[in-house]
Every structure is written in C-alpha cells, then in structure tokens.
Amino acid sequence: MSAKSSATHPAMNNALANAEVRKVNVANGMITLKHGALENIGMPPMIMAYKAKDADMVKRVHEGDKVKVRIENIDGTPTIVKLEKQS
C-alpha cells in the first residue's frame, strides 16, 4: 500500500500571482498583465494579454493597478479566472 495521500492542496492549486495591469481592452475583454511565474500553467514571468473570464473584471481595473490573479487554461486559452485589486 502507498502512503501517499490523494488529497489536493487547495492553497497551492488556488494560489494567486502578483501582477500589474499594463493595458485594458474593454472591447475585446483582454487585460495585459506584467506578472510573476504562473506555476499552475507553467508560464515564466512575462508581460502578456489575457482573456478575462468575466467582463466585469475588465471594467474594474485600470492601467497601473496592482492586482492578484489566478490564470488557468480554459479550452487552450490562458484566461483570468480570478482577479483581486490590491490597495
């Protein structure tokens, strides 16, 4: 028998990455972020435009905002699934 646990690690799986909003495109629902490594999808730190899962996210942020984000691959497209503005 294996001693390994099959339990997931929610804190790790749901970790939010620090990012800075570089550009917001309301028309196409995209937010360009400068972010640290996104370990859950194997992306290194970079600046890239991401699709926002929810149109409200695009309306809540502005260029220069510091945010915490969760990005996941949805149907092969890296998509912002959670976004929290930092104060």
N, C-alpha and C. Protein backbone atom coordinates (compact mmCIF):
# COMPACT_ATOMS: atom_id res chain seq x y z
N MET A 1 0.83 -1.19 0.00
CA MET A 1 0.00 0.00 0.00
C MET A 1 0.87 1.25 0.00
N SER A 2 0.40 2.25 -0.69
CA SER A 2 1.14 3.50 -0.77
C SER A 2 0.76 4.41 0.40
N ALA A 3 1.74 5.12 0.90
CA ALA A 3 1.49 6.04 2.00
C ALA A 3 1.11 7.43 1.47
N LYS A 4 1.16 7.59 0.15
CA LYS A 4 0.85 8.90 -0.43
C LYS A 4 -0.61 9.26 -0.24
N SER A 5 -0.85 10.51 0.03
CA SER A 5 -2.21 10.99 0.17
C SER A 5 -2.72 11.46 -1.18
N SER A 6 -3.97 11.20 -1.46
CA SER A 6 -4.55 11.66 -2.72
C SER A 6 -5.23 13.02 -2.55
N ALA A 7 -5.12 13.58 -1.36
CA ALA A 7 -5.75 14.88 -1.10
C ALA A 7 -5.06 15.97 -1.91
N THR A 8 -5.86 16.91 -2.40
CA THR A 8 -5.29 18.03 -3.13
C THR A 8 -4.84 19.09 -2.14
N HIS A 9 -4.09 20.04 -2.62
CA HIS A 9 -3.61 21.14 -1.80
C HIS A 9 -4.27 22.42 -2.29
N PRO A 10 -5.44 22.76 -1.75
CA PRO A 10 -6.18 23.91 -2.27
C PRO A 10 -5.40 25.21 -2.24
N ALA A 11 -4.61 25.43 -1.21
CA ALA A 11 -3.85 26.67 -1.14
C ALA A 11 -2.89 26.78 -2.32
N MET A 12 -2.29 25.67 -2.69
CA MET A 12 -1.35 25.68 -3.80
C MET A 12 -2.08 25.76 -5.13
N ASN A 13 -3.15 25.01 -5.28
CA ASN A 13 -3.89 24.98 -6.53
C ASN A 13 -4.61 26.29 -6.82
N ASN A 14 -4.93 27.03 -5.78
CA ASN A 14 -5.68 28.26 -5.96
C ASN A 14 -4.83 29.51 -5.69
N ALA A 15 -3.52 29.35 -5.70
CA ALA A 15 -2.63 30.47 -5.40
C ALA A 15 -2.83 31.60 -6.40
N LEU A 16 -2.76 32.82 -5.89
CA LEU A 16 -2.88 33.99 -6.75
C LEU A 16 -1.50 34.56 -7.00
N ALA A 17 -1.25 34.99 -8.23
CA ALA A 17 0.04 35.57 -8.60
C ALA A 17 -0.06 37.10 -8.54
N ASN A 18 1.02 37.74 -8.12
CA ASN A 18 1.09 39.19 -8.14
C ASN A 18 1.26 39.64 -9.58
N ALA A 19 0.57 40.73 -9.93
CA ALA A 19 0.66 41.24 -11.29
C ALA A 19 0.39 42.74 -11.29
N GLU A 20 0.76 43.38 -12.41
CA GLU A 20 0.46 44.79 -12.62
C GLU A 20 -0.26 44.91 -13.94
N VAL A 21 -1.36 45.67 -13.94
CA VAL A 21 -2.12 45.88 -15.17
C VAL A 21 -1.35 46.85 -16.06
N ARG A 22 -1.07 46.44 -17.29
CA ARG A 22 -0.36 47.29 -18.23
C ARG A 22 -1.30 47.92 -19.26
N LYS A 23 -2.40 47.20 -19.59
CA LYS A 23 -3.34 47.71 -20.58
C LYS A 23 -4.67 47.00 -20.37
N VAL A 24 -5.76 47.73 -20.62
CA VAL A 24 -7.09 47.16 -20.53
C VAL A 24 -7.80 47.40 -21.85
N ASN A 25 -8.33 46.34 -22.46
CA ASN A 25 -9.08 46.47 -23.70
C ASN A 25 -10.49 45.97 -23.45
N VAL A 26 -11.39 46.92 -23.16
CA VAL A 26 -12.77 46.58 -22.82
C VAL A 26 -13.47 45.94 -24.02
N ALA A 27 -13.18 46.43 -25.23
CA ALA A 27 -13.86 45.95 -26.43
C ALA A 27 -13.68 44.45 -26.65
N ASN A 28 -12.46 43.94 -26.39
CA ASN A 28 -12.25 42.50 -26.63
C ASN A 28 -12.09 41.70 -25.34
N GLY A 29 -12.30 42.33 -24.18
CA GLY A 29 -12.27 41.62 -22.91
C GLY A 29 -10.89 41.12 -22.51
N MET A 30 -9.85 41.85 -22.90
CA MET A 30 -8.48 41.44 -22.62
C MET A 30 -7.83 42.41 -21.63
N ILE A 31 -6.97 41.83 -20.77
CA ILE A 31 -6.17 42.62 -19.82
C ILE A 31 -4.72 42.20 -20.01
N THR A 32 -3.86 43.18 -20.28
CA THR A 32 -2.43 42.90 -20.40
C THR A 32 -1.81 43.04 -19.02
N LEU A 33 -1.11 41.98 -18.59
CA LEU A 33 -0.52 41.93 -17.26
C LEU A 33 0.99 41.74 -17.33
N LYS A 34 1.69 42.36 -16.40
CA LYS A 34 3.08 42.02 -16.11
C LYS A 34 3.00 41.18 -14.85
N HIS A 35 3.40 39.92 -14.95
CA HIS A 35 3.20 39.02 -13.81
C HIS A 35 4.42 38.18 -13.51
N GLY A 36 4.43 37.62 -12.31
CA GLY A 36 5.45 36.66 -11.91
C GLY A 36 5.14 35.30 -12.52
N ALA A 37 5.89 34.29 -12.12
CA ALA A 37 5.69 32.94 -12.64
C ALA A 37 4.29 32.43 -12.31
N LEU A 38 3.67 31.79 -13.29
CA LEU A 38 2.36 31.16 -13.10
C LEU A 38 2.60 29.67 -13.10
N GLU A 39 2.94 29.16 -11.91
CA GLU A 39 3.35 27.77 -11.81
C GLU A 39 2.26 26.78 -12.19
N ASN A 40 1.00 27.13 -11.93
CA ASN A 40 -0.09 26.20 -12.23
C ASN A 40 -0.24 25.91 -13.72
N ILE A 41 0.19 26.85 -14.58
CA ILE A 41 0.12 26.60 -16.03
C ILE A 41 1.50 26.63 -16.68
N GLY A 42 2.55 26.64 -15.85
CA GLY A 42 3.91 26.53 -16.36
C GLY A 42 4.40 27.72 -17.17
N MET A 43 4.00 28.93 -16.78
CA MET A 43 4.45 30.12 -17.51
C MET A 43 5.45 30.90 -16.66
N PRO A 44 6.54 31.36 -17.29
CA PRO A 44 7.52 32.18 -16.57
C PRO A 44 7.00 33.62 -16.43
N PRO A 45 7.69 34.45 -15.64
CA PRO A 45 7.30 35.86 -15.55
C PRO A 45 7.34 36.49 -16.94
N MET A 46 6.34 37.31 -17.24
CA MET A 46 6.29 37.98 -18.55
C MET A 46 5.22 39.04 -18.57
N ILE A 47 5.12 39.73 -19.71
CA ILE A 47 4.03 40.66 -19.98
C ILE A 47 3.22 40.03 -21.11
N MET A 48 1.92 39.84 -20.88
CA MET A 48 1.08 39.19 -21.88
C MET A 48 -0.37 39.60 -21.68
N ALA A 49 -1.12 39.61 -22.78
CA ALA A 49 -2.56 39.90 -22.71
C ALA A 49 -3.31 38.61 -22.44
N TYR A 50 -4.26 38.69 -21.53
CA TYR A 50 -5.08 37.53 -21.16
C TYR A 50 -6.55 37.85 -21.31
N LYS A 51 -7.31 36.87 -21.70
CA LYS A 51 -8.77 36.98 -21.77
C LYS A 51 -9.31 36.97 -20.34
N ALA A 52 -10.25 37.85 -20.06
CA ALA A 52 -10.91 37.87 -18.75
C ALA A 52 -12.15 36.97 -18.82
N LYS A 53 -12.28 36.07 -17.86
CA LYS A 53 -13.42 35.15 -17.83
C LYS A 53 -14.73 35.91 -17.67
N ASP A 54 -14.66 37.02 -16.96
CA ASP A 54 -15.84 37.79 -16.60
C ASP A 54 -15.65 39.23 -17.09
N ALA A 55 -16.60 39.74 -17.86
CA ALA A 55 -16.49 41.09 -18.42
C ALA A 55 -16.35 42.15 -17.33
N ASP A 56 -16.89 41.88 -16.14
CA ASP A 56 -16.79 42.83 -15.03
C ASP A 56 -15.34 43.07 -14.62
N MET A 57 -14.49 42.05 -14.75
CA MET A 57 -13.07 42.20 -14.39
C MET A 57 -12.43 43.33 -15.20
N VAL A 58 -12.75 43.39 -16.47
CA VAL A 58 -12.14 44.38 -17.36
C VAL A 58 -12.55 45.79 -16.95
N LYS A 59 -13.77 45.92 -16.45
CA LYS A 59 -14.27 47.24 -16.06
C LYS A 59 -13.74 47.71 -14.71
N ARG A 60 -13.26 46.77 -13.88
CA ARG A 60 -12.81 47.11 -12.51
C ARG A 60 -11.37 47.57 -12.44
N VAL A 61 -10.56 47.30 -13.45
CA VAL A 61 -9.14 47.61 -13.35
C VAL A 61 -8.72 48.68 -14.36
N HIS A 62 -7.61 49.32 -14.03
CA HIS A 62 -7.05 50.37 -14.89
C HIS A 62 -5.55 50.17 -15.01
N GLU A 63 -4.99 50.73 -16.04
CA GLU A 63 -3.54 50.66 -16.25
C GLU A 63 -2.81 51.13 -15.00
N GLY A 64 -1.83 50.33 -14.56
CA GLY A 64 -1.04 50.67 -13.38
C GLY A 64 -1.52 50.03 -12.09
N ASP A 65 -2.74 49.46 -12.09
CA ASP A 65 -3.26 48.81 -10.89
C ASP A 65 -2.42 47.59 -10.52
N LYS A 66 -2.19 47.41 -9.22
CA LYS A 66 -1.54 46.21 -8.70
C LYS A 66 -2.67 45.23 -8.38
N VAL A 67 -2.53 44.01 -8.88
CA VAL A 67 -3.58 43.01 -8.69
C VAL A 67 -2.98 41.66 -8.31
N LYS A 68 -3.85 40.78 -7.85
CA LYS A 68 -3.51 39.37 -7.66
C LYS A 68 -4.44 38.62 -8.59
N VAL A 69 -3.88 37.68 -9.35
CA VAL A 69 -4.67 36.98 -10.35
C VAL A 69 -4.48 35.48 -10.28
N ARG A 70 -5.49 34.78 -10.76
CA ARG A 70 -5.42 33.34 -10.98
C ARG A 70 -5.71 33.15 -12.46
N ILE A 71 -4.76 32.56 -13.16
CA ILE A 71 -4.91 32.32 -14.59
C ILE A 71 -4.91 30.81 -14.81
N GLU A 72 -5.88 30.34 -15.59
CA GLU A 72 -5.98 28.93 -15.91
C GLU A 72 -6.18 28.77 -17.42
N ASN A 73 -5.78 27.63 -17.94
CA ASN A 73 -6.04 27.32 -19.34
C ASN A 73 -7.47 26.84 -19.47
N ILE A 74 -8.27 27.59 -20.21
CA ILE A 74 -9.66 27.20 -20.47
C ILE A 74 -9.79 27.00 -21.97
N ASP A 75 -10.04 25.77 -22.36
CA ASP A 75 -10.11 25.39 -23.79
C ASP A 75 -8.86 25.84 -24.53
N GLY A 76 -7.70 25.71 -23.88
CA GLY A 76 -6.43 26.05 -24.51
C GLY A 76 -6.07 27.52 -24.49
N THR A 77 -6.90 28.34 -23.88
CA THR A 77 -6.64 29.78 -23.82
C THR A 77 -6.35 30.19 -22.38
N PRO A 78 -5.15 30.77 -22.12
CA PRO A 78 -4.89 31.27 -20.77
C PRO A 78 -5.89 32.37 -20.42
N THR A 79 -6.66 32.16 -19.37
CA THR A 79 -7.77 33.04 -19.03
C THR A 79 -7.69 33.45 -17.56
N ILE A 80 -7.95 34.74 -17.29
CA ILE A 80 -8.00 35.22 -15.91
C ILE A 80 -9.32 34.73 -15.31
N VAL A 81 -9.22 33.88 -14.30
CA VAL A 81 -10.44 33.34 -13.67
C VAL A 81 -10.72 34.02 -12.34
N LYS A 82 -9.73 34.69 -11.77
CA LYS A 82 -9.92 35.42 -10.51
C LYS A 82 -9.00 36.62 -10.53
N LEU A 83 -9.51 37.76 -10.09
CA LEU A 83 -8.73 38.99 -10.08
C LEU A 83 -9.12 39.80 -8.85
N GLU A 84 -8.11 40.18 -8.06
CA GLU A 84 -8.34 40.99 -6.86
C GLU A 84 -7.43 42.21 -6.93
N LYS A 85 -8.03 43.40 -6.81
CA LYS A 85 -7.22 44.62 -6.78
C LYS A 85 -6.53 44.73 -5.43
N GLN A 86 -5.30 45.20 -5.45
CA GLN A 86 -4.55 45.43 -4.21
C GLN A 86 -4.65 46.91 -3.85
N SER A 87 -4.62 47.19 -2.55
CA SER A 87 -4.72 48.59 -2.13
C SER A 87 -3.35 49.21 -1.97
